[in-house]
Amino acid sequence: MATRLVQINMKARDDSALGRFWAEALGWGVDSEGPGVTNLEPVGFARPDPSAVCIDIIARPEPKTVKNRVHLDLATTSAAHQAELVARLKDLGAAPADIGQGDVPWTVMADPEGNEFCLLTPR
């Protein structure tokens, strides 16, 4: 039987604030297991869901200090959708990021805690 990816774990200085950012960015729901743990799930998610991956954001006091070794890629449906998403994510607190990507068709951004992610062009 194949192993299935079910959850991504992120660290944050403020798990609830970063959780709100990602919930708004993805259109997902927010829950909490308790202080220091914010859970993000697709709307309508019911465990076990064979097609969903959830995100847990765990509070940690230390700041991010180097480029992420793992990051999220978000899909877009058109150049216009990509531009709209960039603008919406900036309004939520994201910022453009230069990680040495050069001239590429996708957009690299950082969430409010500096975690890099990409907005991919349609494939």
PDB file of N, CA and C in Angstrom:
ATOM      1  N   MET A   1       0.830  -1.170   0.000  1.00  0.00           N
ATOM      2  CA  MET A   1       0.000   0.000   0.000  1.00  0.00           C
ATOM      3  C   MET A   1       0.887   1.250   0.000  1.00  0.00           C
ATOM      4  N   ALA A   2       0.554   2.217  -0.831  1.00  0.00           N
ATOM      5  CA  ALA A   2       1.346   3.438  -0.952  1.00  0.00           C
ATOM      6  C   ALA A   2       1.114   4.350   0.246  1.00  0.00           C
ATOM      7  N   THR A   3       2.146   5.058   0.621  1.00  0.00           N
ATOM      8  CA  THR A   3       2.027   6.060   1.672  1.00  0.00           C
ATOM      9  C   THR A   3       1.486   7.337   1.055  1.00  0.00           C
ATOM     10  N   ARG A   4       0.654   8.032   1.790  1.00  0.00           N
ATOM     11  CA  ARG A   4       0.016   9.231   1.267  1.00  0.00           C
ATOM     12  C   ARG A   4       0.363  10.440   2.134  1.00  0.00           C
ATOM     13  N   LEU A   5       0.689  11.547   1.484  1.00  0.00           N
ATOM     14  CA  LEU A   5       0.942  12.798   2.179  1.00  0.00           C
ATOM     15  C   LEU A   5      -0.392  13.356   2.672  1.00  0.00           C
ATOM     16  N   VAL A   6      -0.498  13.667   3.962  1.00  0.00           N
ATOM     17  CA  VAL A   6      -1.757  14.152   4.521  1.00  0.00           C
ATOM     18  C   VAL A   6      -1.644  15.522   5.189  1.00  0.00           C
ATOM     19  N   GLN A   7      -0.423  15.943   5.522  1.00  0.00           N
ATOM     20  CA  GLN A   7      -0.294  17.169   6.286  1.00  0.00           C
ATOM     21  C   GLN A   7       1.064  17.803   6.053  1.00  0.00           C
ATOM     22  N   ILE A   8       1.075  19.125   6.017  1.00  0.00           N
ATOM     23  CA  ILE A   8       2.300  19.903   5.970  1.00  0.00           C
ATOM     24  C   ILE A   8       2.376  20.664   7.278  1.00  0.00           C
ATOM     25  N   ASN A   9       3.557  20.706   7.885  1.00  0.00           N
ATOM     26  CA  ASN A   9       3.754  21.349   9.167  1.00  0.00           C
ATOM     27  C   ASN A   9       4.649  22.559   8.966  1.00  0.00           C
ATOM     28  N   MET A  10       4.197  23.723   9.404  1.00  0.00           N
ATOM     29  CA  MET A  10       4.980  24.951   9.318  1.00  0.00           C
ATOM     30  C   MET A  10       5.209  25.482  10.725  1.00  0.00           C
ATOM     31  N   LYS A  11       6.321  26.155  10.923  1.00  0.00           N
ATOM     32  CA  LYS A  11       6.602  26.814  12.194  1.00  0.00           C
ATOM     33  C   LYS A  11       6.351  28.311  12.026  1.00  0.00           C
ATOM     34  N   ALA A  12       5.943  28.977  13.102  1.00  0.00           N
ATOM     35  CA  ALA A  12       5.675  30.408  13.053  1.00  0.00           C
ATOM     36  C   ALA A  12       5.853  31.009  14.434  1.00  0.00           C
ATOM     37  N   ARG A  13       6.257  32.261  14.489  1.00  0.00           N
ATOM     38  CA  ARG A  13       6.313  32.954  15.774  1.00  0.00           C
ATOM     39  C   ARG A  13       4.896  33.199  16.284  1.00  0.00           C
ATOM     40  N   ASP A  14       3.973  33.511  15.361  1.00  0.00           N
ATOM     41  CA  ASP A  14       2.568  33.748  15.725  1.00  0.00           C
ATOM     42  C   ASP A  14       1.710  32.815  14.874  1.00  0.00           C
ATOM     43  N   ASP A  15       1.436  31.631  15.402  1.00  0.00           N
ATOM     44  CA  ASP A  15       0.724  30.612  14.620  1.00  0.00           C
ATOM     45  C   ASP A  15      -0.674  31.067  14.213  1.00  0.00           C
ATOM     46  N   SER A  16      -1.378  31.768  15.085  1.00  0.00           N
ATOM     47  CA  SER A  16      -2.746  32.161  14.738  1.00  0.00           C
ATOM     48  C   SER A  16      -2.760  33.230  13.648  1.00  0.00           C
ATOM     49  N   ALA A  17      -1.846  34.189  13.698  1.00  0.00           N
ATOM     50  CA  ALA A  17      -1.795  35.225  12.656  1.00  0.00           C
ATOM     51  C   ALA A  17      -1.391  34.619  11.317  1.00  0.00           C
ATOM     52  N   LEU A  18      -0.387  33.757  11.323  1.00  0.00           N
ATOM     53  CA  LEU A  18       0.025  33.130  10.066  1.00  0.00           C
ATOM     54  C   LEU A  18      -1.060  32.178   9.573  1.00  0.00           C
ATOM     55  N   GLY A  19      -1.748  31.536  10.488  1.00  0.00           N
ATOM     56  CA  GLY A  19      -2.866  30.684  10.104  1.00  0.00           C
ATOM     57  C   GLY A  19      -3.971  31.467   9.422  1.00  0.00           C
ATOM     58  N   ARG A  20      -4.284  32.650   9.948  1.00  0.00           N
ATOM     59  CA  ARG A  20      -5.299  33.498   9.315  1.00  0.00           C
ATOM     60  C   ARG A  20      -4.866  33.918   7.914  1.00  0.00           C
ATOM     61  N   PHE A  21      -3.568  34.259   7.748  1.00  0.00           N
ATOM     62  CA  PHE A  21      -3.064  34.631   6.422  1.00  0.00           C
ATOM     63  C   PHE A  21      -3.281  33.489   5.432  1.00  0.00           C
ATOM     64  N   TRP A  22      -2.811  32.286   5.796  1.00  0.00           N
ATOM     65  CA  TRP A  22      -2.905  31.159   4.869  1.00  0.00           C
ATOM     66  C   TRP A  22      -4.351  30.722   4.648  1.00  0.00           C
ATOM     67  N   ALA A  23      -5.195  30.807   5.659  1.00  0.00           N
ATOM     68  CA  ALA A  23      -6.613  30.469   5.475  1.00  0.00           C
ATOM     69  C   ALA A  23      -7.249  31.424   4.468  1.00  0.00           C
ATOM     70  N   GLU A  24      -6.964  32.714   4.586  1.00  0.00           N
ATOM     71  CA  GLU A  24      -7.480  33.692   3.630  1.00  0.00           C
ATOM     72  C   GLU A  24      -6.888  33.460   2.246  1.00  0.00           C
ATOM     73  N   ALA A  25      -5.602  33.201   2.179  1.00  0.00           N
ATOM     74  CA  ALA A  25      -4.930  32.983   0.895  1.00  0.00           C
ATOM     75  C   ALA A  25      -5.521  31.790   0.152  1.00  0.00           C
ATOM     76  N   LEU A  26      -5.822  30.726   0.886  1.00  0.00           N
ATOM     77  CA  LEU A  26      -6.293  29.487   0.276  1.00  0.00           C
ATOM     78  C   LEU A  26      -7.812  29.343   0.269  1.00  0.00           C
ATOM     79  N   GLY A  27      -8.510  30.184   1.021  1.00  0.00           N
ATOM     80  CA  GLY A  27      -9.954  30.025   1.142  1.00  0.00           C
ATOM     81  C   GLY A  27     -10.313  28.819   1.991  1.00  0.00           C
ATOM     82  N   TRP A  28      -9.495  28.519   2.991  1.00  0.00           N
ATOM     83  CA  TRP A  28      -9.671  27.355   3.852  1.00  0.00           C
ATOM     84  C   TRP A  28     -10.234  27.765   5.201  1.00  0.00           C
ATOM     85  N   GLY A  29     -10.605  26.763   5.985  1.00  0.00           N
ATOM     86  CA  GLY A  29     -11.063  26.977   7.340  1.00  0.00           C
ATOM     87  C   GLY A  29      -9.908  26.917   8.322  1.00  0.00           C
ATOM     88  N   VAL A  30     -10.094  27.546   9.478  1.00  0.00           N
ATOM     89  CA  VAL A  30      -9.084  27.579  10.539  1.00  0.00           C
ATOM     90  C   VAL A  30      -9.662  26.927  11.780  1.00  0.00           C
ATOM     91  N   ASP A  31      -8.851  26.134  12.444  1.00  0.00           N
ATOM     92  CA  ASP A  31      -9.234  25.504  13.694  1.00  0.00           C
ATOM     93  C   ASP A  31      -7.993  25.531  14.579  1.00  0.00           C
ATOM     94  N   SER A  32      -8.126  25.072  15.800  1.00  0.00           N
ATOM     95  CA  SER A  32      -6.979  25.014  16.702  1.00  0.00           C
ATOM     96  C   SER A  32      -7.105  23.823  17.619  1.00  0.00           C
ATOM     97  N   GLU A  33      -5.966  23.159  17.837  1.00  0.00           N
ATOM     98  CA  GLU A  33      -5.919  22.060  18.797  1.00  0.00           C
ATOM     99  C   GLU A  33      -5.682  22.602  20.194  1.00  0.00           C
ATOM    100  N   GLY A  34      -5.318  23.855  20.284  1.00  0.00           N
ATOM    101  CA  GLY A  34      -5.003  24.474  21.561  1.00  0.00           C
ATOM    102  C   GLY A  34      -3.983  25.566  21.343  1.00  0.00           C
ATOM    103  N   PRO A  35      -3.515  26.192  22.409  1.00  0.00           N
ATOM    104  CA  PRO A  35      -2.529  27.261  22.282  1.00  0.00           C
ATOM    105  C   PRO A  35      -1.288  26.793  21.523  1.00  0.00           C
ATOM    106  N   GLY A  36      -0.879  27.580  20.538  1.00  0.00           N
ATOM    107  CA  GLY A  36       0.344  27.271  19.803  1.00  0.00           C
ATOM    108  C   GLY A  36       0.173  26.347  18.622  1.00  0.00           C
ATOM    109  N   VAL A  37      -1.037  25.932  18.322  1.00  0.00           N
ATOM    110  CA  VAL A  37      -1.272  25.044  17.179  1.00  0.00           C
ATOM    111  C   VAL A  37      -2.487  25.541  16.399  1.00  0.00           C
ATOM    112  N   THR A  38      -2.273  25.906  15.143  1.00  0.00           N
ATOM    113  CA  THR A  38      -3.364  26.332  14.275  1.00  0.00           C
ATOM    114  C   THR A  38      -3.460  25.344  13.124  1.00  0.00           C
ATOM    115  N   ASN A  39      -4.647  24.812  12.896  1.00  0.00           N
ATOM    116  CA  ASN A  39      -4.886  23.826  11.848  1.00  0.00           C
ATOM    117  C   ASN A  39      -5.646  24.484  10.699  1.00  0.00           C
ATOM    118  N   LEU A  40      -5.219  24.219   9.485  1.00  0.00           N
ATOM    119  CA  LEU A  40      -5.891  24.704   8.288  1.00  0.00           C
ATOM    120  C   LEU A  40      -6.366  23.513   7.482  1.00  0.00           C
ATOM    121  N   GLU A  41      -7.623  23.576   7.061  1.00  0.00           N
ATOM    122  CA  GLU A  41      -8.199  22.480   6.275  1.00  0.00           C
ATOM    123  C   GLU A  41      -9.050  23.056   5.157  1.00  0.00           C
ATOM    124  N   PRO A  42      -9.085  22.373   4.007  1.00  0.00           N
ATOM    125  CA  PRO A  42      -9.999  22.812   2.955  1.00  0.00           C
ATOM    126  C   PRO A  42     -11.436  22.824   3.487  1.00  0.00           C
ATOM    127  N   VAL A  43     -12.224  23.790   3.023  1.00  0.00           N
ATOM    128  CA  VAL A  43     -13.621  23.868   3.438  1.00  0.00           C
ATOM    129  C   VAL A  43     -14.327  22.578   3.049  1.00  0.00           C
ATOM    130  N   GLY A  44     -15.088  22.012   3.971  1.00  0.00           N
ATOM    131  CA  GLY A  44     -15.793  20.761   3.719  1.00  0.00           C
ATOM    132  C   GLY A  44     -14.956  19.519   3.955  1.00  0.00           C
ATOM    133  N   PHE A  45     -13.736  19.683   4.437  1.00  0.00           N
ATOM    134  CA  PHE A  45     -12.835  18.562   4.678  1.00  0.00           C
ATOM    135  C   PHE A  45     -13.399  17.647   5.753  1.00  0.00           C
ATOM    136  N   ALA A  46     -13.301  16.349   5.515  1.00  0.00           N
ATOM    137  CA  ALA A  46     -13.664  15.345   6.512  1.00  0.00           C
ATOM    138  C   ALA A  46     -12.606  14.253   6.475  1.00  0.00           C
ATOM    139  N   ARG A  47     -11.980  14.010   7.605  1.00  0.00           N
ATOM    140  CA  ARG A  47     -10.922  12.999   7.687  1.00  0.00           C
ATOM    141  C   ARG A  47     -11.529  11.613   7.676  1.00  0.00           C
ATOM    142  N   PRO A  48     -10.979  10.656   6.987  1.00  0.00           N
ATOM    143  CA  PRO A  48      -9.842  10.789   6.076  1.00  0.00           C
ATOM    144  C   PRO A  48     -10.321  11.168   4.673  1.00  0.00           C
ATOM    145  N   ASP A  49      -9.676  12.138   4.075  1.00  0.00           N
ATOM    146  CA  ASP A  49      -9.990  12.567   2.719  1.00  0.00           C
ATOM    147  C   ASP A  49      -8.795  12.212   1.846  1.00  0.00           C
ATOM    148  N   PRO A  50      -8.947  11.296   0.916  1.00  0.00           N
ATOM    149  CA  PRO A  50      -7.808  10.821   0.136  1.00  0.00           C
ATOM    150  C   PRO A  50      -7.212  11.851  -0.816  1.00  0.00           C
ATOM    151  N   SER A  51      -7.902  12.974  -1.030  1.00  0.00           N
ATOM    152  CA  SER A  51      -7.374  13.953  -1.972  1.00  0.00           C
ATOM    153  C   SER A  51      -6.937  15.255  -1.314  1.00  0.00           C
ATOM    154  N   ALA A  52      -7.014  15.351   0.002  1.00  0.00           N
ATOM    155  CA  ALA A  52      -6.698  16.615   0.675  1.00  0.00           C
ATOM    156  C   ALA A  52      -5.406  16.526   1.469  1.00  0.00           C
ATOM    157  N   VAL A  53      -4.693  17.635   1.498  1.00  0.00           N
ATOM    158  CA  VAL A  53      -3.530  17.810   2.357  1.00  0.00           C
ATOM    159  C   VAL A  53      -3.828  19.008   3.251  1.00  0.00           C
ATOM    160  N   CYS A  54      -3.651  18.852   4.535  1.00  0.00           N
ATOM    161  CA  CYS A  54      -3.910  19.924   5.493  1.00  0.00           C
ATOM    162  C   CYS A  54      -2.596  20.589   5.896  1.00  0.00           C
ATOM    163  N   ILE A  55      -2.701  21.741   6.551  1.00  0.00           N
ATOM    164  CA  ILE A  55      -1.524  22.456   7.040  1.00  0.00           C
ATOM    165  C   ILE A  55      -1.695  22.692   8.532  1.00  0.00           C
ATOM    166  N   ASP A  56      -0.678  22.350   9.301  1.00  0.00           N
ATOM    167  CA  ASP A  56      -0.622  22.685  10.723  1.00  0.00           C
ATOM    168  C   ASP A  56       0.460  23.735  10.905  1.00  0.00           C
ATOM    169  N   ILE A  57       0.136  24.785  11.646  1.00  0.00           N
ATOM    170  CA  ILE A  57       1.116  25.818  11.945  1.00  0.00           C
ATOM    171  C   ILE A  57       1.361  25.781  13.447  1.00  0.00           C
ATOM    172  N   ILE A  58       2.627  25.568  13.798  1.00  0.00           N
ATOM    173  CA  ILE A  58       3.027  25.360  15.178  1.00  0.00           C
ATOM    174  C   ILE A  58       3.858  26.552  15.651  1.00  0.00           C
ATOM    175  N   ALA A  59       3.530  27.094  16.801  1.00  0.00           N
ATOM    176  CA  ALA A  59       4.261  28.239  17.348  1.00  0.00           C
ATOM    177  C   ALA A  59       5.658  27.824  17.802  1.00  0.00           C
ATOM    178  N   ARG A  60       6.631  28.618  17.404  1.00  0.00           N
ATOM    179  CA  ARG A  60       8.014  28.465  17.839  1.00  0.00           C
ATOM    180  C   ARG A  60       8.581  29.860  18.041  1.00  0.00           C
ATOM    181  N   PRO A  61       9.358  30.084  19.089  1.00  0.00           N
ATOM    182  CA  PRO A  61       9.829  31.442  19.382  1.00  0.00           C
ATOM    183  C   PRO A  61      10.940  31.937  18.457  1.00  0.00           C
ATOM    184  N   GLU A  62      11.701  31.041  17.874  1.00  0.00           N
ATOM    185  CA  GLU A  62      12.836  31.480  17.067  1.00  0.00           C
ATOM    186  C   GLU A  62      12.366  32.001  15.698  1.00  0.00           C
ATOM    187  N   PRO A  63      13.003  33.058  15.193  1.00  0.00           N
ATOM    188  CA  PRO A  63      12.622  33.613  13.894  1.00  0.00           C
ATOM    189  C   PRO A  63      13.188  32.791  12.738  1.00  0.00           C
ATOM    190  N   LYS A  64      12.597  32.967  11.573  1.00  0.00           N
ATOM    191  CA  LYS A  64      13.128  32.369  10.348  1.00  0.00           C
ATOM    192  C   LYS A  64      14.439  33.082  10.036  1.00  0.00           C
ATOM    193  N   THR A  65      15.476  32.323   9.693  1.00  0.00           N
ATOM    194  CA  THR A  65      16.780  32.953   9.460  1.00  0.00           C
ATOM    195  C   THR A  65      17.365  32.684   8.078  1.00  0.00           C
ATOM    196  N   VAL A  66      16.905  31.652   7.385  1.00  0.00           N
ATOM    197  CA  VAL A  66      17.461  31.332   6.065  1.00  0.00           C
ATOM    198  C   VAL A  66      16.330  30.986   5.101  1.00  0.00           C
ATOM    199  N   LYS A  67      16.674  30.860   3.815  1.00  0.00           N
ATOM    200  CA  LYS A  67      15.713  30.480   2.781  1.00  0.00           C
ATOM    201  C   LYS A  67      15.077  29.139   3.135  1.00  0.00           C
ATOM    202  N   ASN A  68      13.778  29.032   2.869  1.00  0.00           N
ATOM    203  CA  ASN A  68      13.066  27.772   3.124  1.00  0.00           C
ATOM    204  C   ASN A  68      13.704  26.626   2.337  1.00  0.00           C
ATOM    205  N   ARG A  69      13.716  25.448   2.914  1.00  0.00           N
ATOM    206  CA  ARG A  69      14.144  24.248   2.191  1.00  0.00           C
ATOM    207  C   ARG A  69      12.949  23.575   1.543  1.00  0.00           C
ATOM    208  N   VAL A  70      11.751  23.889   2.014  1.00  0.00           N
ATOM    209  CA  VAL A  70      10.497  23.406   1.428  1.00  0.00           C
ATOM    210  C   VAL A  70       9.578  24.611   1.367  1.00  0.00           C
ATOM    211  N   HIS A  71       8.836  24.732   0.279  1.00  0.00           N
ATOM    212  CA  HIS A  71       7.869  25.826   0.206  1.00  0.00           C
ATOM    213  C   HIS A  71       6.627  25.365  -0.538  1.00  0.00           C
ATOM    214  N   LEU A  72       5.566  26.157  -0.416  1.00  0.00           N
ATOM    215  CA  LEU A  72       4.305  25.848  -1.086  1.00  0.00           C
ATOM    216  C   LEU A  72       4.284  26.481  -2.468  1.00  0.00           C
ATOM    217  N   ASP A  73       3.683  25.797  -3.423  1.00  0.00           N
ATOM    218  CA  ASP A  73       3.412  26.319  -4.757  1.00  0.00           C
ATOM    219  C   ASP A  73       1.904  26.394  -4.915  1.00  0.00           C
ATOM    220  N   LEU A  74       1.403  27.560  -5.316  1.00  0.00           N
ATOM    221  CA  LEU A  74      -0.026  27.753  -5.533  1.00  0.00           C
ATOM    222  C   LEU A  74      -0.292  27.847  -7.027  1.00  0.00           C
ATOM    223  N   ALA A  75      -1.328  27.160  -7.504  1.00  0.00           N
ATOM    224  CA  ALA A  75      -1.678  27.157  -8.926  1.00  0.00           C
ATOM    225  C   ALA A  75      -2.514  28.376  -9.269  1.00  0.00           C
ATOM    226  N   THR A  76      -2.365  28.859 -10.500  1.00  0.00           N
ATOM    227  CA  THR A  76      -3.231  29.908 -11.027  1.00  0.00           C
ATOM    228  C   THR A  76      -3.804  29.405 -12.347  1.00  0.00           C
ATOM    229  N   THR A  77      -4.890  30.029 -12.776  1.00  0.00           N
ATOM    230  CA  THR A  77      -5.579  29.562 -13.979  1.00  0.00           C
ATOM    231  C   THR A  77      -5.289  30.398 -15.215  1.00  0.00           C
ATOM    232  N   SER A  78      -4.733  31.596 -15.023  1.00  0.00           N
ATOM    233  CA  SER A  78      -4.418  32.473 -16.154  1.00  0.00           C
ATOM    234  C   SER A  78      -3.468  33.557 -15.664  1.00  0.00           C
ATOM    235  N   ALA A  79      -2.914  34.317 -16.607  1.00  0.00           N
ATOM    236  CA  ALA A  79      -2.042  35.432 -16.231  1.00  0.00           C
ATOM    237  C   ALA A  79      -2.832  36.452 -15.402  1.00  0.00           C
ATOM    238  N   ALA A  80      -4.090  36.684 -15.780  1.00  0.00           N
ATOM    239  CA  ALA A  80      -4.924  37.624 -15.039  1.00  0.00           C
ATOM    240  C   ALA A  80      -5.184  37.114 -13.616  1.00  0.00           C
ATOM    241  N   HIS A  81      -5.463  35.823 -13.476  1.00  0.00           N
ATOM    242  CA  HIS A  81      -5.684  35.239 -12.153  1.00  0.00           C
ATOM    243  C   HIS A  81      -4.429  35.361 -11.305  1.00  0.00           C
ATOM    244  N   GLN A  82      -3.268  35.129 -11.912  1.00  0.00           N
ATOM    245  CA  GLN A  82      -2.009  35.246 -11.183  1.00  0.00           C
ATOM    246  C   GLN A  82      -1.830  36.685 -10.678  1.00  0.00           C
ATOM    247  N   ALA A  83      -2.092  37.672 -11.524  1.00  0.00           N
ATOM    248  CA  ALA A  83      -1.954  39.076 -11.128  1.00  0.00           C
ATOM    249  C   ALA A  83      -2.941  39.428 -10.015  1.00  0.00           C
ATOM    250  N   GLU A  84      -4.177  38.938 -10.118  1.00  0.00           N
ATOM    251  CA  GLU A  84      -5.183  39.186  -9.075  1.00  0.00           C
ATOM    252  C   GLU A  84      -4.754  38.566  -7.750  1.00  0.00           C
ATOM    253  N   LEU A  85      -4.212  37.351  -7.821  1.00  0.00           N
ATOM    254  CA  LEU A  85      -3.785  36.660  -6.609  1.00  0.00           C
ATOM    255  C   LEU A  85      -2.601  37.375  -5.962  1.00  0.00           C
ATOM    256  N   VAL A  86      -1.655  37.828  -6.767  1.00  0.00           N
ATOM    257  CA  VAL A  86      -0.514  38.581  -6.232  1.00  0.00           C
ATOM    258  C   VAL A  86      -1.034  39.807  -5.477  1.00  0.00           C
ATOM    259  N   ALA A  87      -1.945  40.552  -6.087  1.00  0.00           N
ATOM    260  CA  ALA A  87      -2.483  41.752  -5.448  1.00  0.00           C
ATOM    261  C   ALA A  87      -3.224  41.404  -4.159  1.00  0.00           C
ATOM    262  N   ARG A  88      -4.041  40.352  -4.179  1.00  0.00           N
ATOM    263  CA  ARG A  88      -4.803  39.964  -2.998  1.00  0.00           C
ATOM    264  C   ARG A  88      -3.889  39.525  -1.864  1.00  0.00           C
ATOM    265  N   LEU A  89      -2.832  38.758  -2.200  1.00  0.00           N
ATOM    266  CA  LEU A  89      -1.905  38.287  -1.175  1.00  0.00           C
ATOM    267  C   LEU A  89      -1.081  39.436  -0.596  1.00  0.00           C
ATOM    268  N   LYS A  90      -0.746  40.427  -1.415  1.00  0.00           N
ATOM    269  CA  LYS A  90      -0.069  41.614  -0.886  1.00  0.00           C
ATOM    270  C   LYS A  90      -0.972  42.319   0.116  1.00  0.00           C
ATOM    271  N   ASP A  91      -2.265  42.421  -0.205  1.00  0.00           N
ATOM    272  CA  ASP A  91      -3.214  43.049   0.714  1.00  0.00           C
ATOM    273  C   ASP A  91      -3.306  42.284   2.032  1.00  0.00           C
ATOM    274  N   LEU A  92      -3.076  40.972   1.999  1.00  0.00           N
ATOM    275  CA  LEU A  92      -3.120  40.149   3.208  1.00  0.00           C
ATOM    276  C   LEU A  92      -1.811  40.190   3.996  1.00  0.00           C
ATOM    277  N   GLY A  93      -0.744  40.789   3.409  1.00  0.00           N
ATOM    278  CA  GLY A  93       0.519  40.898   4.137  1.00  0.00           C
ATOM    279  C   GLY A  93       1.697  40.202   3.498  1.00  0.00           C
ATOM    280  N   ALA A  94       1.511  39.567   2.341  1.00  0.00           N
ATOM    281  CA  ALA A  94       2.639  38.932   1.643  1.00  0.00           C
ATOM    282  C   ALA A  94       3.448  40.008   0.919  1.00  0.00           C
ATOM    283  N   ALA A  95       4.669  39.650   0.544  1.00  0.00           N
ATOM    284  CA  ALA A  95       5.541  40.581  -0.175  1.00  0.00           C
ATOM    285  C   ALA A  95       6.288  39.827  -1.271  1.00  0.00           C
ATOM    286  N   PRO A  96       6.638  40.520  -2.354  1.00  0.00           N
ATOM    287  CA  PRO A  96       7.472  39.880  -3.378  1.00  0.00           C
ATOM    288  C   PRO A  96       8.793  39.443  -2.749  1.00  0.00           C
ATOM    289  N   ALA A  97       9.339  38.330  -3.233  1.00  0.00           N
ATOM    290  CA  ALA A  97      10.596  37.820  -2.684  1.00  0.00           C
ATOM    291  C   ALA A  97      11.562  37.508  -3.812  1.00  0.00           C
ATOM    292  N   ASP A  98      12.819  37.842  -3.592  1.00  0.00           N
ATOM    293  CA  ASP A  98      13.884  37.495  -4.536  1.00  0.00           C
ATOM    294  C   ASP A  98      14.771  36.466  -3.864  1.00  0.00           C
ATOM    295  N   ILE A  99      14.682  35.243  -4.346  1.00  0.00           N
ATOM    296  CA  ILE A  99      15.501  34.158  -3.802  1.00  0.00           C
ATOM    297  C   ILE A  99      16.529  33.708  -4.838  1.00  0.00           C
ATOM    298  N   GLY A 100      16.798  34.608  -5.793  1.00  0.00           N
ATOM    299  CA  GLY A 100      17.740  34.293  -6.849  1.00  0.00           C
ATOM    300  C   GLY A 100      17.105  33.565  -8.007  1.00  0.00           C
ATOM    301  N   GLN A 101      15.785  33.684  -8.162  1.00  0.00           N
ATOM    302  CA  GLN A 101      15.078  32.928  -9.186  1.00  0.00           C
ATOM    303  C   GLN A 101      15.322  33.442 -10.594  1.00  0.00           C
ATOM    304  N   GLY A 102      15.790  34.674 -10.747  1.00  0.00           N
ATOM    305  CA  GLY A 102      16.035  35.203 -12.083  1.00  0.00           C
ATOM    306  C   GLY A 102      14.733  35.451 -12.826  1.00  0.00           C
ATOM    307  N   ASP A 103      14.796  35.388 -14.151  1.00  0.00           N
ATOM    308  CA  ASP A 103      13.633  35.644 -14.994  1.00  0.00           C
ATOM    309  C   ASP A 103      12.860  34.345 -15.183  1.00  0.00           C
ATOM    310  N   VAL A 104      11.788  34.181 -14.417  1.00  0.00           N
ATOM    311  CA  VAL A 104      10.979  32.963 -14.453  1.00  0.00           C
ATOM    312  C   VAL A 104       9.517  33.337 -14.663  1.00  0.00           C
ATOM    313  N   PRO A 105       8.685  32.436 -15.157  1.00  0.00           N
ATOM    314  CA  PRO A 105       7.285  32.773 -15.399  1.00  0.00           C
ATOM    315  C   PRO A 105       6.401  32.739 -14.148  1.00  0.00           C
ATOM    316  N   TRP A 106       6.907  32.274 -13.035  1.00  0.00           N
ATOM    317  CA  TRP A 106       6.122  32.249 -11.811  1.00  0.00           C
ATOM    318  C   TRP A 106       6.528  33.435 -10.927  1.00  0.00           C
ATOM    319  N   THR A 107       5.720  33.684  -9.896  1.00  0.00           N
ATOM    320  CA  THR A 107       5.971  34.788  -8.975  1.00  0.00           C
ATOM    321  C   THR A 107       6.358  34.212  -7.623  1.00  0.00           C
ATOM    322  N   VAL A 108       7.467  34.688  -7.069  1.00  0.00           N
ATOM    323  CA  VAL A 108       7.904  34.262  -5.742  1.00  0.00           C
ATOM    324  C   VAL A 108       7.510  35.346  -4.753  1.00  0.00           C
ATOM    325  N   MET A 109       6.875  34.909  -3.665  1.00  0.00           N
ATOM    326  CA  MET A 109       6.451  35.830  -2.609  1.00  0.00           C
ATOM    327  C   MET A 109       6.858  35.252  -1.260  1.00  0.00           C
ATOM    328  N   ALA A 110       6.718  36.069  -0.225  1.00  0.00           N
ATOM    329  CA  ALA A 110       6.944  35.617   1.145  1.00  0.00           C
ATOM    330  C   ALA A 110       5.712  35.963   1.964  1.00  0.00           C
ATOM    331  N   ASP A 111       5.311  35.030   2.831  1.00  0.00           N
ATOM    332  CA  ASP A 111       4.168  35.286   3.713  1.00  0.00           C
ATOM    333  C   ASP A 111       4.589  36.286   4.792  1.00  0.00           C
ATOM    334  N   PRO A 112       3.687  36.700   5.675  1.00  0.00           N
ATOM    335  CA  PRO A 112       4.035  37.718   6.676  1.00  0.00           C
ATOM    336  C   PRO A 112       5.191  37.354   7.611  1.00  0.00           C
ATOM    337  N   GLU A 113       5.538  36.073   7.716  1.00  0.00           N
ATOM    338  CA  GLU A 113       6.681  35.682   8.548  1.00  0.00           C
ATOM    339  C   GLU A 113       7.920  35.393   7.712  1.00  0.00           C
ATOM    340  N   GLY A 114       7.859  35.683   6.406  1.00  0.00           N
ATOM    341  CA  GLY A 114       9.033  35.541   5.541  1.00  0.00           C
ATOM    342  C   GLY A 114       9.185  34.201   4.866  1.00  0.00           C
ATOM    343  N   ASN A 115       8.211  33.302   4.993  1.00  0.00           N
ATOM    344  CA  ASN A 115       8.284  31.994   4.333  1.00  0.00           C
ATOM    345  C   ASN A 115       7.974  32.153   2.851  1.00  0.00           C
ATOM    346  N   GLU A 116       8.907  31.734   2.009  1.00  0.00           N
ATOM    347  CA  GLU A 116       8.724  31.882   0.576  1.00  0.00           C
ATOM    348  C   GLU A 116       7.696  30.896   0.034  1.00  0.00           C
ATOM    349  N   PHE A 117       6.979  31.330  -1.017  1.00  0.00           N
ATOM    350  CA  PHE A 117       6.065  30.459  -1.745  1.00  0.00           C
ATOM    351  C   PHE A 117       5.972  30.983  -3.163  1.00  0.00           C
ATOM    352  N   CYS A 118       5.484  30.146  -4.075  1.00  0.00           N
ATOM    353  CA  CYS A 118       5.405  30.531  -5.482  1.00  0.00           C
ATOM    354  C   CYS A 118       3.965  30.503  -5.977  1.00  0.00           C
ATOM    355  N   LEU A 119       3.655  31.435  -6.873  1.00  0.00           N
ATOM    356  CA  LEU A 119       2.395  31.443  -7.586  1.00  0.00           C
ATOM    357  C   LEU A 119       2.736  31.012  -9.009  1.00  0.00           C
ATOM    358  N   LEU A 120       2.351  29.781  -9.346  1.00  0.00           N
ATOM    359  CA  LEU A 120       2.728  29.198 -10.623  1.00  0.00           C
ATOM    360  C   LEU A 120       1.850  29.722 -11.757  1.00  0.00           C
ATOM    361  N   THR A 121       2.424  29.774 -12.932  1.00  0.00           N
ATOM    362  CA  THR A 121       1.652  30.091 -14.124  1.00  0.00           C
ATOM    363  C   THR A 121       0.883  28.848 -14.522  1.00  0.00           C
ATOM    364  N   PRO A 122      -0.219  29.006 -15.258  1.00  0.00           N
ATOM    365  CA  PRO A 122      -0.986  27.828 -15.677  1.00  0.00           C
ATOM    366  C   PRO A 122      -0.126  26.851 -16.463  1.00  0.00           C
ATOM    367  N   ARG A 123      -0.387  25.563 -16.254  1.00  0.00           N
ATOM    368  CA  ARG A 123       0.369  24.533 -16.976  1.00  0.00           C
ATOM    369  C   ARG A 123      -0.554  23.747 -17.851  1.00  0.00           C
TER     370      ARG A 123
END
